[in-house]
Amino acid sequence: MDWLLNIKKLKKEKNLTNEALAEKSGISLGTINKLFSGASADPKFSTLCALSDAFGVSIDEMMGRKKGEDPELSKNEYFAKYMELGEEGRTLVNRVIAEEHARVLREQSTVTYSLDMPKTRTIRLYNISASAGTGSYLSSADYTNISLYSTPVTDEADFAVKVYGDSMLPKYTSGDILLIKSAKAVEVGEYGIFSVDGESFVKKFGGDKLISLNPEYGNISLSEFSQVVCFGKVLGKLKK
């Protein structure tokens, strides 16, 4: 039991006797003795919580798990163990979940303060939309320059296009601005901007066809007679 070795190591590092640990944690001396003798192979969660508080470490650290490492338990096993805890144990689990959830929400709402101005870059937004419906030509001359905040995604984009139509719902909506990396081809399953016999489309590449996500629209077969050009790969869309 690696976790027991880790707890014994913490007890030694804190220079605590079984009696001192019982007093500090509020756990009975009998339970402490059983735990450290190995007689208690599956201690209650409430016992582990009390011990971690007494040692001044997290439960993960006390059990010897690395930060971010998940215990090898399925969701069903978690639920089964949760139901076996009893009212006191489940109350403690609920408390920990509520506290951790509140902490995550606080961190998500916090923006790191910086005196640096955000970097921006300029790319072309083509004014004639790539079609997500009936098809339209992507002109190389009709465009507007737009400024974007510099991010790993926007830095990779070479140009942008606006979606027209609803054949790519729910992923892309009419009016969405897509960031495109220039490419002569995309992998099967990736999204790209294509010209088929002079008509431009944003579609999912299916190898021998361009796929529409909206079931109300058909796919576009890429026959050997079609003039097919790939303009680039879709990296994502700009937030509205």
C-alpha atoms as a PDB file:
ATOM      1  CA  MET A   1       0.000   0.000   0.000  1.00  0.00           C
ATOM      2  CA  ASP A   2       1.996   2.953  -1.301  1.00  0.00           C
ATOM      3  CA  TRP A   3      -0.381   5.453   0.281  1.00  0.00           C
ATOM      4  CA  LEU A   4       0.323   4.000   3.737  1.00  0.00           C
ATOM      5  CA  LEU A   5       4.079   4.354   3.187  1.00  0.00           C
ATOM      6  CA  ASN A   6       3.530   7.956   2.189  1.00  0.00           C
ATOM      7  CA  ILE A   7       1.437   8.681   5.298  1.00  0.00           C
ATOM      8  CA  LYS A   8       4.084   7.054   7.516  1.00  0.00           C
ATOM      9  CA  LYS A   9       6.701   9.237   5.816  1.00  0.00           C
ATOM     10  CA  LEU A  10       4.663  12.382   6.536  1.00  0.00           C
ATOM     11  CA  LYS A  11       4.181  11.322  10.142  1.00  0.00           C
ATOM     12  CA  LYS A  12       7.939  10.890  10.527  1.00  0.00           C
ATOM     13  CA  GLU A  13       8.683  14.226   8.805  1.00  0.00           C
ATOM     14  CA  LYS A  14       6.228  16.017  11.129  1.00  0.00           C
ATOM     15  CA  ASN A  15       7.820  14.222  14.108  1.00  0.00           C
ATOM     16  CA  LEU A  16       4.410  13.052  15.372  1.00  0.00           C
ATOM     17  CA  THR A  17       3.657  10.073  17.566  1.00  0.00           C
ATOM     18  CA  ASN A  18       0.428   8.129  17.142  1.00  0.00           C
ATOM     19  CA  GLU A  19      -0.912   9.817  20.263  1.00  0.00           C
ATOM     20  CA  ALA A  20       0.003  13.303  19.034  1.00  0.00           C
ATOM     21  CA  LEU A  21      -1.501  12.621  15.620  1.00  0.00           C
ATOM     22  CA  ALA A  22      -4.720  11.350  17.214  1.00  0.00           C
ATOM     23  CA  GLU A  23      -4.988  14.510  19.294  1.00  0.00           C
ATOM     24  CA  LYS A  24      -4.139  16.787  16.350  1.00  0.00           C
ATOM     25  CA  SER A  25      -6.530  15.110  13.896  1.00  0.00           C
ATOM     26  CA  GLY A  26      -9.382  14.253  16.269  1.00  0.00           C
ATOM     27  CA  ILE A  27      -9.206  10.602  15.167  1.00  0.00           C
ATOM     28  CA  SER A  28      -9.323   7.986  17.901  1.00  0.00           C
ATOM     29  CA  LEU A  29      -6.013   6.423  18.904  1.00  0.00           C
ATOM     30  CA  GLY A  30      -7.424   2.987  18.121  1.00  0.00           C
ATOM     31  CA  THR A  31      -8.182   4.001  14.538  1.00  0.00           C
ATOM     32  CA  ILE A  32      -4.722   5.554  14.185  1.00  0.00           C
ATOM     33  CA  ASN A  33      -3.058   2.359  15.465  1.00  0.00           C
ATOM     34  CA  LYS A  34      -5.082   0.191  13.063  1.00  0.00           C
ATOM     35  CA  LEU A  35      -4.225   2.475  10.156  1.00  0.00           C
ATOM     36  CA  PHE A  36      -0.474   2.483  10.718  1.00  0.00           C
ATOM     37  CA  SER A  37      -0.350  -1.247  11.472  1.00  0.00           C
ATOM     38  CA  GLY A  38      -1.941  -1.972   8.116  1.00  0.00           C
ATOM     39  CA  ALA A  39      -5.057  -3.490   9.673  1.00  0.00           C
ATOM     40  CA  SER A  40      -7.235  -0.801   8.104  1.00  0.00           C
ATOM     41  CA  ALA A  41      -6.657  -1.205   4.354  1.00  0.00           C
ATOM     42  CA  ASP A  42      -9.507   1.063   3.230  1.00  0.00           C
ATOM     43  CA  PRO A  43      -9.892   4.006   5.635  1.00  0.00           C
ATOM     44  CA  LYS A  44     -12.945   6.246   5.516  1.00  0.00           C
ATOM     45  CA  PHE A  45     -12.747   9.417   3.506  1.00  0.00           C
ATOM     46  CA  SER A  46     -13.460  11.424   6.652  1.00  0.00           C
ATOM     47  CA  THR A  47     -10.367   9.852   8.234  1.00  0.00           C
ATOM     48  CA  LEU A  48      -8.218  10.837   5.250  1.00  0.00           C
ATOM     49  CA  CYS A  49      -9.570  14.400   5.362  1.00  0.00           C
ATOM     50  CA  ALA A  50      -8.742  14.697   9.062  1.00  0.00           C
ATOM     51  CA  LEU A  51      -5.238  13.305   8.514  1.00  0.00           C
ATOM     52  CA  SER A  52      -4.506  15.653   5.610  1.00  0.00           C
ATOM     53  CA  ASP A  53      -5.617  18.612   7.746  1.00  0.00           C
ATOM     54  CA  ALA A  54      -3.382  17.420  10.573  1.00  0.00           C
ATOM     55  CA  PHE A  55      -0.383  17.066   8.229  1.00  0.00           C
ATOM     56  CA  GLY A  56      -1.156  20.382   6.518  1.00  0.00           C
ATOM     57  CA  VAL A  57      -1.152  18.892   3.004  1.00  0.00           C
ATOM     58  CA  SER A  58      -3.745  18.067   0.355  1.00  0.00           C
ATOM     59  CA  ILE A  59      -5.256  14.597   0.191  1.00  0.00           C
ATOM     60  CA  ASP A  60      -3.583  14.019  -3.191  1.00  0.00           C
ATOM     61  CA  GLU A  61      -0.185  14.892  -1.734  1.00  0.00           C
ATOM     62  CA  MET A  62      -0.800  12.775   1.330  1.00  0.00           C
ATOM     63  CA  MET A  63      -1.780   9.788  -0.841  1.00  0.00           C
ATOM     64  CA  GLY A  64       1.343  10.206  -2.963  1.00  0.00           C
ATOM     65  CA  ARG A  65      -0.395  11.301  -6.158  1.00  0.00           C
ATOM     66  CA  LYS A  66       1.232  13.865  -8.408  1.00  0.00           C
ATOM     67  CA  LYS A  67      -0.536  17.139  -9.103  1.00  0.00           C
ATOM     68  CA  GLY A  68      -3.108  16.663 -11.832  1.00  0.00           C
ATOM     69  CA  GLU A  69      -2.888  12.857 -11.675  1.00  0.00           C
ATOM     70  CA  ASP A  70      -6.234  11.093 -11.482  1.00  0.00           C
ATOM     71  CA  PRO A  71      -6.694   7.981  -9.371  1.00  0.00           C
ATOM     72  CA  GLU A  72      -7.342   4.895 -11.493  1.00  0.00           C
ATOM     73  CA  LEU A  73     -11.044   4.660 -10.730  1.00  0.00           C
ATOM     74  CA  SER A  74     -13.953   4.691 -13.133  1.00  0.00           C
ATOM     75  CA  LYS A  75     -16.909   7.014 -12.610  1.00  0.00           C
ATOM     76  CA  ASN A  76     -18.958   4.040 -11.398  1.00  0.00           C
ATOM     77  CA  GLU A  77     -16.265   3.157  -8.856  1.00  0.00           C
ATOM     78  CA  TYR A  78     -16.188   6.734  -7.640  1.00  0.00           C
ATOM     79  CA  PHE A  79     -19.949   6.733  -7.211  1.00  0.00           C
ATOM     80  CA  ALA A  80     -19.918   3.371  -5.448  1.00  0.00           C
ATOM     81  CA  LYS A  81     -17.267   4.534  -2.998  1.00  0.00           C
ATOM     82  CA  TYR A  82     -19.148   7.807  -2.486  1.00  0.00           C
ATOM     83  CA  MET A  83     -22.322   5.921  -1.570  1.00  0.00           C
ATOM     84  CA  GLU A  84     -20.392   3.755   0.911  1.00  0.00           C
ATOM     85  CA  LEU A  85     -19.081   6.768   2.815  1.00  0.00           C
ATOM     86  CA  GLY A  86     -22.144   7.354   4.915  1.00  0.00           C
ATOM     87  CA  GLU A  87     -23.707  10.716   5.703  1.00  0.00           C
ATOM     88  CA  GLU A  88     -20.630  12.189   7.356  1.00  0.00           C
ATOM     89  CA  GLY A  89     -18.291  11.199   4.520  1.00  0.00           C
ATOM     90  CA  ARG A  90     -20.620  12.402   1.792  1.00  0.00           C
ATOM     91  CA  THR A  91     -20.999  15.735   3.604  1.00  0.00           C
ATOM     92  CA  LEU A  92     -17.218  16.146   3.611  1.00  0.00           C
ATOM     93  CA  VAL A  93     -16.961  15.237  -0.079  1.00  0.00           C
ATOM     94  CA  ASN A  94     -19.700  17.710  -0.971  1.00  0.00           C
ATOM     95  CA  ARG A  95     -17.929  20.404   1.020  1.00  0.00           C
ATOM     96  CA  VAL A  96     -14.618  19.793  -0.771  1.00  0.00           C
ATOM     97  CA  ILE A  97     -16.334  19.830  -4.191  1.00  0.00           C
ATOM     98  CA  ALA A  98     -18.152  23.066  -3.376  1.00  0.00           C
ATOM     99  CA  GLU A  99     -14.939  24.743  -2.173  1.00  0.00           C
ATOM    100  CA  GLU A 100     -12.928  23.585  -5.198  1.00  0.00           C
ATOM    101  CA  HIS A 101     -15.668  24.654  -7.600  1.00  0.00           C
ATOM    102  CA  ALA A 102     -15.801  28.107  -6.006  1.00  0.00           C
ATOM    103  CA  ARG A 103     -11.994  28.383  -6.276  1.00  0.00           C
ATOM    104  CA  VAL A 104     -12.053  27.453  -9.988  1.00  0.00           C
ATOM    105  CA  LEU A 105     -14.771  30.033 -10.686  1.00  0.00           C
ATOM    106  CA  ARG A 106     -12.738  32.708  -8.881  1.00  0.00           C
ATOM    107  CA  GLU A 107      -9.636  31.878 -10.935  1.00  0.00           C
ATOM    108  CA  GLN A 108     -11.599  31.896 -14.197  1.00  0.00           C
ATOM    109  CA  SER A 109     -12.972  35.361 -13.460  1.00  0.00           C
ATOM    110  CA  THR A 110      -9.550  36.790 -12.621  1.00  0.00           C
ATOM    111  CA  VAL A 111      -7.579  38.545 -15.363  1.00  0.00           C
ATOM    112  CA  THR A 112      -3.834  38.827 -14.860  1.00  0.00           C
ATOM    113  CA  TYR A 113      -2.858  42.474 -14.594  1.00  0.00           C
ATOM    114  CA  SER A 114      -0.270  43.702 -17.058  1.00  0.00           C
ATOM    115  CA  LEU A 115       1.082  47.094 -18.118  1.00  0.00           C
ATOM    116  CA  ASP A 116       1.897  45.726 -21.568  1.00  0.00           C
ATOM    117  CA  MET A 117      -0.420  46.703 -24.415  1.00  0.00           C
ATOM    118  CA  PRO A 118      -1.786  43.685 -26.282  1.00  0.00           C
ATOM    119  CA  LYS A 119      -0.079  43.066 -29.611  1.00  0.00           C
ATOM    120  CA  THR A 120      -2.195  43.252 -32.734  1.00  0.00           C
ATOM    121  CA  ARG A 121      -1.783  42.155 -36.331  1.00  0.00           C
ATOM    122  CA  THR A 122      -3.652  42.871 -39.558  1.00  0.00           C
ATOM    123  CA  ILE A 123      -5.056  40.300 -41.989  1.00  0.00           C
ATOM    124  CA  ARG A 124      -7.435  40.372 -44.961  1.00  0.00           C
ATOM    125  CA  LEU A 125     -11.135  39.734 -44.444  1.00  0.00           C
ATOM    126  CA  TYR A 126     -12.624  38.858 -47.832  1.00  0.00           C
ATOM    127  CA  ASN A 127     -15.853  40.740 -48.411  1.00  0.00           C
ATOM    128  CA  ILE A 128     -17.384  38.119 -50.700  1.00  0.00           C
ATOM    129  CA  SER A 129     -18.300  35.307 -48.335  1.00  0.00           C
ATOM    130  CA  ALA A 130     -17.273  31.708 -48.624  1.00  0.00           C
ATOM    131  CA  SER A 131     -20.513  29.820 -48.922  1.00  0.00           C
ATOM    132  CA  ALA A 132     -22.022  27.523 -46.360  1.00  0.00           C
ATOM    133  CA  GLY A 133     -25.027  27.199 -48.617  1.00  0.00           C
ATOM    134  CA  THR A 134     -25.353  27.767 -52.350  1.00  0.00           C
ATOM    135  CA  GLY A 135     -21.777  28.790 -53.196  1.00  0.00           C
ATOM    136  CA  SER A 136     -20.068  32.071 -54.114  1.00  0.00           C
ATOM    137  CA  TYR A 137     -16.735  33.064 -55.609  1.00  0.00           C
ATOM    138  CA  LEU A 138     -13.950  34.079 -53.209  1.00  0.00           C
ATOM    139  CA  SER A 139     -12.470  37.148 -54.860  1.00  0.00           C
ATOM    140  CA  SER A 140      -8.763  37.824 -54.477  1.00  0.00           C
ATOM    141  CA  ALA A 141      -9.285  41.576 -54.881  1.00  0.00           C
ATOM    142  CA  ASP A 142     -12.300  42.449 -52.743  1.00  0.00           C
ATOM    143  CA  TYR A 143     -11.207  42.490 -49.117  1.00  0.00           C
ATOM    144  CA  THR A 144     -10.969  44.654 -46.005  1.00  0.00           C
ATOM    145  CA  ASN A 145      -8.022  44.777 -43.603  1.00  0.00           C
ATOM    146  CA  ILE A 146      -8.984  43.896 -40.028  1.00  0.00           C
ATOM    147  CA  SER A 147      -6.929  44.054 -36.842  1.00  0.00           C
ATOM    148  CA  LEU A 148      -6.715  41.076 -34.501  1.00  0.00           C
ATOM    149  CA  TYR A 149      -5.203  40.559 -31.079  1.00  0.00           C
ATOM    150  CA  SER A 150      -2.079  38.437 -31.407  1.00  0.00           C
ATOM    151  CA  THR A 151      -2.616  34.873 -30.151  1.00  0.00           C
ATOM    152  CA  PRO A 152      -1.141  31.506 -31.184  1.00  0.00           C
ATOM    153  CA  VAL A 153      -4.209  30.955 -33.401  1.00  0.00           C
ATOM    154  CA  THR A 154      -4.485  34.409 -34.978  1.00  0.00           C
ATOM    155  CA  ASP A 155      -0.724  34.484 -35.583  1.00  0.00           C
ATOM    156  CA  GLU A 156      -1.082  31.336 -37.701  1.00  0.00           C
ATOM    157  CA  ALA A 157      -3.937  32.748 -39.811  1.00  0.00           C
ATOM    158  CA  ASP A 158      -3.174  34.178 -43.257  1.00  0.00           C
ATOM    159  CA  PHE A 159      -6.620  35.609 -44.018  1.00  0.00           C
ATOM    160  CA  ALA A 160     -10.260  35.521 -42.886  1.00  0.00           C
ATOM    161  CA  VAL A 161     -13.581  34.903 -44.601  1.00  0.00           C
ATOM    162  CA  LYS A 162     -17.172  35.409 -43.572  1.00  0.00           C
ATOM    163  CA  VAL A 163     -19.578  32.463 -43.654  1.00  0.00           C
ATOM    164  CA  TYR A 164     -22.760  32.739 -45.679  1.00  0.00           C
ATOM    165  CA  GLY A 165     -25.615  30.246 -45.349  1.00  0.00           C
ATOM    166  CA  ASP A 166     -26.459  27.552 -42.833  1.00  0.00           C
ATOM    167  CA  SER A 167     -25.250  24.270 -44.328  1.00  0.00           C
ATOM    168  CA  MET A 168     -22.484  24.027 -41.692  1.00  0.00           C
ATOM    169  CA  LEU A 169     -24.739  24.379 -38.661  1.00  0.00           C
ATOM    170  CA  PRO A 170     -24.269  23.877 -35.795  1.00  0.00           C
ATOM    171  CA  LYS A 171     -20.485  24.366 -36.041  1.00  0.00           C
ATOM    172  CA  TYR A 172     -20.500  27.496 -38.187  1.00  0.00           C
ATOM    173  CA  THR A 173     -23.316  30.042 -38.448  1.00  0.00           C
ATOM    174  CA  SER A 174     -24.022  32.538 -41.222  1.00  0.00           C
ATOM    175  CA  GLY A 175     -22.040  35.684 -40.395  1.00  0.00           C
ATOM    176  CA  ASP A 176     -19.229  33.894 -38.555  1.00  0.00           C
ATOM    177  CA  ILE A 177     -15.728  35.108 -39.423  1.00  0.00           C
ATOM    178  CA  LEU A 178     -13.352  32.188 -39.937  1.00  0.00           C
ATOM    179  CA  LEU A 179      -9.571  32.344 -39.561  1.00  0.00           C
ATOM    180  CA  ILE A 180      -7.827  30.569 -42.438  1.00  0.00           C
ATOM    181  CA  LYS A 181      -4.275  29.262 -42.861  1.00  0.00           C
ATOM    182  CA  SER A 182      -3.305  29.120 -46.526  1.00  0.00           C
ATOM    183  CA  ALA A 183      -2.945  25.530 -47.710  1.00  0.00           C
ATOM    184  CA  LYS A 184      -3.238  23.677 -51.006  1.00  0.00           C
ATOM    185  CA  ALA A 185      -4.782  20.687 -49.243  1.00  0.00           C
ATOM    186  CA  VAL A 186      -6.278  19.636 -45.897  1.00  0.00           C
ATOM    187  CA  GLU A 187      -6.534  16.260 -44.203  1.00  0.00           C
ATOM    188  CA  VAL A 188      -9.690  14.171 -44.325  1.00  0.00           C
ATOM    189  CA  GLY A 189     -11.943  15.319 -41.470  1.00  0.00           C
ATOM    190  CA  GLU A 190     -10.524  18.863 -41.417  1.00  0.00           C
ATOM    191  CA  TYR A 191     -12.437  21.988 -42.426  1.00  0.00           C
ATOM    192  CA  GLY A 192     -11.300  24.118 -45.317  1.00  0.00           C
ATOM    193  CA  ILE A 193     -12.163  26.771 -47.874  1.00  0.00           C
ATOM    194  CA  PHE A 194     -12.601  25.280 -51.339  1.00  0.00           C
ATOM    195  CA  SER A 195     -13.420  26.408 -54.858  1.00  0.00           C
ATOM    196  CA  VAL A 196     -15.393  23.942 -56.966  1.00  0.00           C
ATOM    197  CA  ASP A 197     -15.785  25.017 -60.593  1.00  0.00           C
ATOM    198  CA  GLY A 198     -15.416  28.658 -59.558  1.00  0.00           C
ATOM    199  CA  GLU A 199     -17.768  28.525 -56.540  1.00  0.00           C
ATOM    200  CA  SER A 200     -16.285  28.882 -53.061  1.00  0.00           C
ATOM    201  CA  PHE A 201     -17.365  26.884 -50.039  1.00  0.00           C
ATOM    202  CA  VAL A 202     -16.471  26.254 -46.421  1.00  0.00           C
ATOM    203  CA  LYS A 203     -16.869  22.516 -45.901  1.00  0.00           C
ATOM    204  CA  LYS A 204     -15.510  19.474 -44.089  1.00  0.00           C
ATOM    205  CA  PHE A 205     -13.169  17.513 -46.361  1.00  0.00           C
ATOM    206  CA  GLY A 206     -14.290  13.931 -46.897  1.00  0.00           C
ATOM    207  CA  GLY A 207     -11.679  12.752 -49.388  1.00  0.00           C
ATOM    208  CA  ASP A 208     -13.944  12.318 -52.403  1.00  0.00           C
ATOM    209  CA  LYS A 209     -16.530  14.852 -51.264  1.00  0.00           C
ATOM    210  CA  LEU A 210     -17.100  18.085 -49.361  1.00  0.00           C
ATOM    211  CA  ILE A 211     -19.352  17.441 -46.393  1.00  0.00           C
ATOM    212  CA  SER A 212     -22.215  19.641 -45.145  1.00  0.00           C
ATOM    213  CA  LEU A 213     -22.990  19.293 -41.427  1.00  0.00           C
ATOM    214  CA  ASN A 214     -26.619  20.392 -41.729  1.00  0.00           C
ATOM    215  CA  PRO A 215     -28.601  17.300 -42.824  1.00  0.00           C
ATOM    216  CA  GLU A 216     -30.914  19.539 -44.887  1.00  0.00           C
ATOM    217  CA  TYR A 217     -28.041  20.077 -47.346  1.00  0.00           C
ATOM    218  CA  GLY A 218     -26.336  17.504 -49.526  1.00  0.00           C
ATOM    219  CA  ASN A 219     -22.621  16.868 -49.816  1.00  0.00           C
ATOM    220  CA  ILE A 220     -20.601  18.004 -52.844  1.00  0.00           C
ATOM    221  CA  SER A 221     -19.098  15.124 -54.832  1.00  0.00           C
ATOM    222  CA  LEU A 222     -15.626  15.858 -56.172  1.00  0.00           C
ATOM    223  CA  SER A 223     -15.789  14.159 -59.576  1.00  0.00           C
ATOM    224  CA  GLU A 224     -12.772  13.899 -61.835  1.00  0.00           C
ATOM    225  CA  PHE A 225     -14.277  16.592 -64.061  1.00  0.00           C
ATOM    226  CA  SER A 226     -14.543  19.203 -61.264  1.00  0.00           C
ATOM    227  CA  GLN A 227     -11.981  21.948 -60.944  1.00  0.00           C
ATOM    228  CA  VAL A 228     -11.276  21.808 -57.215  1.00  0.00           C
ATOM    229  CA  VAL A 229      -8.973  24.252 -55.435  1.00  0.00           C
ATOM    230  CA  CYS A 230      -8.233  24.354 -51.727  1.00  0.00           C
ATOM    231  CA  PHE A 231      -7.635  27.886 -50.436  1.00  0.00           C
ATOM    232  CA  GLY A 232      -6.758  26.949 -46.873  1.00  0.00           C
ATOM    233  CA  LYS A 233      -7.490  25.236 -43.581  1.00  0.00           C
ATOM    234  CA  VAL A 234      -9.998  26.610 -41.074  1.00  0.00           C
ATOM    235  CA  LEU A 235      -8.243  27.331 -37.768  1.00  0.00           C
ATOM    236  CA  GLY A 236     -11.293  28.596 -35.894  1.00  0.00           C
ATOM    237  CA  LYS A 237     -13.681  31.497 -35.743  1.00  0.00           C
ATOM    238  CA  LEU A 238     -13.484  34.939 -34.199  1.00  0.00           C
ATOM    239  CA  LYS A 239     -15.562  35.637 -31.112  1.00  0.00           C
ATOM    240  CA  LYS A 240     -18.489  37.929 -31.764  1.00  0.00           C
END
